Protein backbone atom coordinates (compact mmCIF):
# COMPACT_ATOMS: atom_id res chain seq x y z
CA MET A 1 -12.02 12.04 -40.42
CA ARG A 2 -10.86 8.40 -41.47
CA ALA A 3 -8.04 8.22 -38.35
CA ALA A 4 -11.74 9.34 -35.89
CA LYS A 5 -13.88 7.18 -38.01
CA CYS A 6 -11.12 4.03 -37.11
CA ALA A 7 -10.38 5.01 -33.25
CA GLU A 8 -14.19 4.88 -32.72
CA ASP A 9 -15.14 1.83 -34.34
CA THR A 10 -12.45 0.43 -32.11
CA ALA A 11 -12.94 1.61 -28.76
CA ALA A 12 -13.62 -0.52 -26.25
CA GLU A 13 -16.99 -1.04 -25.00
CA ALA A 14 -17.07 -3.33 -21.51
CA GLN A 15 -14.06 -3.43 -18.90
CA TRP A 16 -13.70 -6.61 -16.97
CA ILE A 17 -12.24 -5.27 -13.73
CA VAL A 18 -10.61 -7.99 -11.22
CA HIS A 19 -8.77 -7.17 -7.59
CA LEU A 20 -7.61 -10.06 -7.03
CA GLY A 21 -7.07 -9.23 -3.10
CA MET A 22 -4.62 -11.17 -1.13
CA THR A 23 -5.02 -14.83 -2.22
CA GLY A 24 -6.93 -14.60 -5.80
CA ARG A 25 -5.22 -15.48 -9.17
CA LEU A 26 -6.14 -16.13 -12.31
CA LEU A 27 -5.53 -19.12 -14.38
CA VAL A 28 -5.97 -20.30 -18.02
CA SER A 29 -6.34 -23.88 -17.90
CA ARG A 30 -7.94 -26.64 -20.94
CA ALA A 31 -12.01 -26.76 -20.32
CA ASP A 32 -11.50 -30.53 -18.93
CA ALA A 33 -9.18 -29.64 -16.63
CA PRO A 34 -10.14 -30.50 -13.15
CA VAL A 35 -11.61 -27.76 -11.20
CA GLU A 36 -9.23 -26.41 -7.97
CA PRO A 37 -11.53 -25.83 -5.04
CA HIS A 38 -12.02 -21.84 -4.49
CA THR A 39 -12.99 -21.86 -7.61
CA HIS A 40 -15.50 -18.88 -8.23
CA ALA A 41 -15.93 -18.01 -12.00
CA ARG A 42 -15.18 -19.57 -15.51
CA ILE A 43 -14.79 -17.65 -18.51
CA THR A 44 -14.60 -19.40 -21.70
CA LEU A 45 -12.25 -18.04 -23.92
CA SER A 46 -12.48 -18.04 -27.88
CA SER A 47 -9.64 -20.89 -28.02
CA GLY A 48 -11.82 -23.12 -25.87
CA ARG A 49 -9.66 -22.89 -23.06
CA GLU A 50 -11.37 -21.44 -19.71
CA LEU A 51 -10.04 -18.42 -18.10
CA ARG A 52 -10.11 -19.18 -13.57
CA PHE A 53 -10.55 -16.96 -10.58
CA VAL A 54 -9.62 -18.78 -7.86
CA ASP A 55 -9.47 -17.37 -4.41
CA PRO A 56 -9.82 -19.18 -0.88
CA ARG A 57 -9.88 -16.26 1.47
CA ARG A 58 -12.60 -14.55 -1.10
CA PHE A 59 -11.49 -10.90 -0.61
CA GLY A 60 -10.89 -10.40 -4.57
CA ARG A 61 -13.61 -9.19 -6.66
CA LEU A 62 -14.92 -9.24 -10.17
CA GLU A 63 -16.82 -6.31 -12.08
CA PHE A 64 -18.22 -6.04 -15.55
CA ARG A 65 -18.35 -2.29 -16.71
CA ASP A 66 -20.91 -1.50 -19.79
CA LEU A 67 -18.99 1.90 -20.77
CA HIS A 68 -22.23 2.54 -22.69
CA ARG A 69 -23.98 3.37 -19.39
CA ASP A 70 -21.00 3.40 -16.55
CA SER A 71 -17.65 5.18 -16.32
CA GLY A 72 -14.50 3.29 -17.27
CA PHE A 73 -11.97 2.16 -14.34
CA ALA A 74 -9.22 4.54 -13.70
CA ALA A 75 -6.62 3.28 -11.02
CA PRO A 76 -6.82 6.12 -7.84
CA GLY A 77 -3.16 6.73 -8.07
CA ALA A 78 -0.34 7.69 -10.52
CA GLU A 79 1.28 4.73 -12.62
CA PRO A 80 5.00 4.11 -10.65
CA LEU A 81 6.39 2.92 -14.04
CA THR A 82 5.36 5.81 -16.55
CA ILE A 83 5.55 8.59 -13.83
CA GLY A 84 7.86 11.36 -14.38
CA ALA A 85 10.68 12.72 -11.61
CA GLU A 86 8.72 15.58 -11.13
CA ASP A 87 5.24 14.13 -10.79
CA PHE A 88 6.82 11.75 -8.23
CA ALA A 89 8.28 14.15 -5.83
CA ALA A 90 5.15 15.65 -5.83
CA LEU A 91 3.12 13.06 -4.66
CA PHE A 92 5.63 13.47 -1.39
CA ARG A 93 5.77 17.29 -1.18
CA GLY A 94 4.93 18.10 3.04
CA ARG A 95 3.23 14.92 4.09
CA SER A 96 4.52 13.65 7.38
CA LEU A 97 3.70 10.06 6.70
CA SER A 98 6.37 7.67 6.29
CA ILE A 99 7.72 6.99 3.47
CA LYS A 100 6.95 3.08 3.61
CA ALA A 101 3.75 4.02 4.17
CA ALA A 102 3.51 6.38 1.28
CA LEU A 103 4.65 4.03 -1.06
CA LEU A 104 1.87 1.73 -0.18
CA ASN A 105 -0.83 4.47 -0.36
CA GLN A 106 -3.21 3.59 -3.65
CA THR A 107 -4.56 7.19 -4.05
CA LEU A 108 -0.39 8.14 -4.65
CA LEU A 109 0.90 5.33 -6.43
CA ALA A 110 -1.34 2.83 -7.89
CA GLY A 111 -0.36 -0.89 -7.03
CA VAL A 112 3.00 -0.63 -5.01
CA GLY A 113 2.46 -3.40 -2.97
CA ASN A 114 4.79 -4.40 0.29
CA ILE A 115 7.46 -6.69 -1.35
CA TYR A 116 8.90 -3.63 -3.89
CA ALA A 117 7.87 -0.61 -1.28
CA ASP A 118 10.70 -2.41 1.32
CA GLU A 119 13.13 -3.66 -1.37
CA SER A 120 13.13 -0.12 -3.52
CA LEU A 121 13.80 2.01 -0.48
CA PHE A 122 16.76 -0.31 -0.16
CA ARG A 123 18.27 -0.10 -2.83
CA ALA A 124 17.70 3.77 -2.56
CA GLY A 125 19.29 3.55 0.67
CA ILE A 126 16.43 5.33 2.58
CA ARG A 127 15.37 4.23 5.54
CA PRO A 128 11.51 3.41 5.64
CA ARG A 129 10.17 5.25 8.62
CA ARG A 130 11.61 8.68 7.19
CA ALA A 131 9.18 11.50 6.54
CA ALA A 132 8.20 11.57 3.40
CA GLY A 133 8.17 15.51 2.72
CA ARG A 134 11.04 15.88 4.12
CA LEU A 135 12.95 13.75 1.44
CA SER A 136 15.55 15.55 -0.83
CA ARG A 137 14.96 15.89 -4.64
CA ALA A 138 17.71 13.66 -5.01
CA GLU A 139 16.60 10.88 -2.75
CA LEU A 140 12.72 10.49 -4.36
CA GLU A 141 14.61 10.81 -7.76
CA ARG A 142 16.92 7.77 -6.58
CA LEU A 143 13.79 6.27 -5.07
CA ARG A 144 12.00 6.21 -8.31
CA ARG A 145 14.69 5.37 -10.32
CA GLU A 146 15.22 2.03 -8.05
CA LEU A 147 11.23 1.83 -8.36
CA VAL A 148 10.80 1.10 -11.95
CA LYS A 149 13.88 -0.86 -11.82
CA ILE A 150 12.42 -3.52 -9.13
CA LEU A 151 8.98 -3.70 -10.88
CA ARG A 152 10.19 -4.04 -14.70
CA HIS A 153 12.62 -6.64 -13.22
CA ALA A 154 10.09 -8.34 -10.81
CA ILE A 155 7.83 -8.57 -14.43
CA ARG A 156 10.34 -9.73 -16.04
CA LEU A 157 11.21 -12.29 -13.50
CA GLY A 158 7.21 -13.39 -13.14
CA GLY A 159 6.92 -12.12 -9.47
CA SER A 160 7.88 -13.43 -6.25
CA SER A 161 6.03 -16.37 -5.33
CA VAL A 162 6.71 -15.86 -1.45
CA SER A 163 3.07 -18.29 -0.46
CA ASP A 164 0.73 -19.29 -2.72
CA TYR A 165 1.02 -17.11 -6.05
CA VAL A 166 1.55 -18.20 -9.35
CA ASP A 167 0.87 -16.78 -12.54
CA ALA A 168 -2.18 -17.68 -15.31
CA ASP A 169 -0.18 -20.42 -16.25
CA GLY A 170 0.34 -21.90 -12.87
CA GLU A 171 3.86 -20.82 -12.84
CA ARG A 172 5.59 -19.54 -9.96
CA GLY A 173 7.72 -16.15 -10.36
CA PHE A 174 11.39 -16.03 -9.16
CA PHE A 175 11.93 -12.71 -8.02
CA GLN A 176 12.08 -13.87 -4.34
CA LEU A 177 15.05 -15.05 -5.22
CA GLU A 178 16.72 -11.63 -5.78
CA HIS A 179 14.99 -10.08 -2.58
CA ARG A 180 17.54 -8.25 -0.35
CA VAL A 181 15.79 -7.53 2.59
CA TYR A 182 12.16 -8.71 2.63
CA LEU A 183 11.54 -11.80 4.36
CA ARG A 184 15.04 -12.06 5.24
CA THR A 185 15.01 -10.93 9.30
CA GLY A 186 18.10 -11.59 11.08
CA GLU A 187 19.79 -12.49 7.93
CA PRO A 188 23.58 -10.83 6.90
CA CYS A 189 22.71 -7.76 4.09
CA LEU A 190 24.08 -8.92 1.04
CA VAL A 191 25.91 -5.86 0.76
CA CYS A 192 27.50 -4.64 4.25
CA GLY A 193 26.83 -8.00 6.27
CA SER A 194 24.73 -6.31 9.11
CA ALA A 195 21.03 -8.13 10.31
CA ILE A 196 18.82 -7.10 8.47
CA ARG A 197 15.66 -5.24 10.73
CA ARG A 198 12.02 -6.05 10.53
CA ILE A 199 9.69 -3.07 12.17
CA VAL A 200 6.22 -2.46 11.57
CA ILE A 201 4.66 0.61 9.28
CA GLY A 202 0.93 1.01 9.01
CA GLY A 203 0.29 -2.12 10.41
CA ARG A 204 2.61 -3.85 7.47
CA GLY A 205 5.83 -5.34 8.15
CA THR A 206 8.70 -3.75 7.18
CA HIS A 207 12.15 -5.08 6.73
CA PHE A 208 15.32 -2.56 5.94
CA CYS A 209 19.22 -3.04 6.83
CA GLY A 210 19.73 -0.09 9.48
CA LYS A 211 23.38 0.31 8.19
CA CYS A 212 23.04 0.41 4.58
CA GLN A 213 19.56 2.65 4.90
CA GLY A 214 21.38 5.18 7.24
């Protein structure tokens, strides 16, 4: 009873949901710091600083949910950092769409973006146009492991700042310095020396090495 009461007392009562869209940023600033253009929300923190939502293209979204009235947020797809081998393989079983498109499908895996799909497919040695349902269990497990490694490493490096991305302190990430295929069209592969190719899959630019991902 004591443990149940403690868990009940500490249960969340509300959620604040943030979708960054394509250009949204959350910045922690001093309250007296100049306000950047396209700042759409300023929230005062207990420290006296402000959490600011900046979004030039306005594709992002903020939402407050009272959990006494509304259901909590749950990602539509599986969490890529914790999904097991069996469940990961089951996501793609019988699917005819390309493995690149499947990785970007948020109803299958939550939060895998274009950069990390390209980089994980390269490191797993899988061509992005291959049908997801035709990959072997060994290939899928190799892909799962590489995806997890890349996401964890990219988080440690603060993400990929290839355009205007910065973290909450306004600092750029460094994972873009370790890209092996993404945005390296025409440059030599760092493994075999072949030129990196770019194609479009599902409307997204896709970068790969034709030799290493044969």
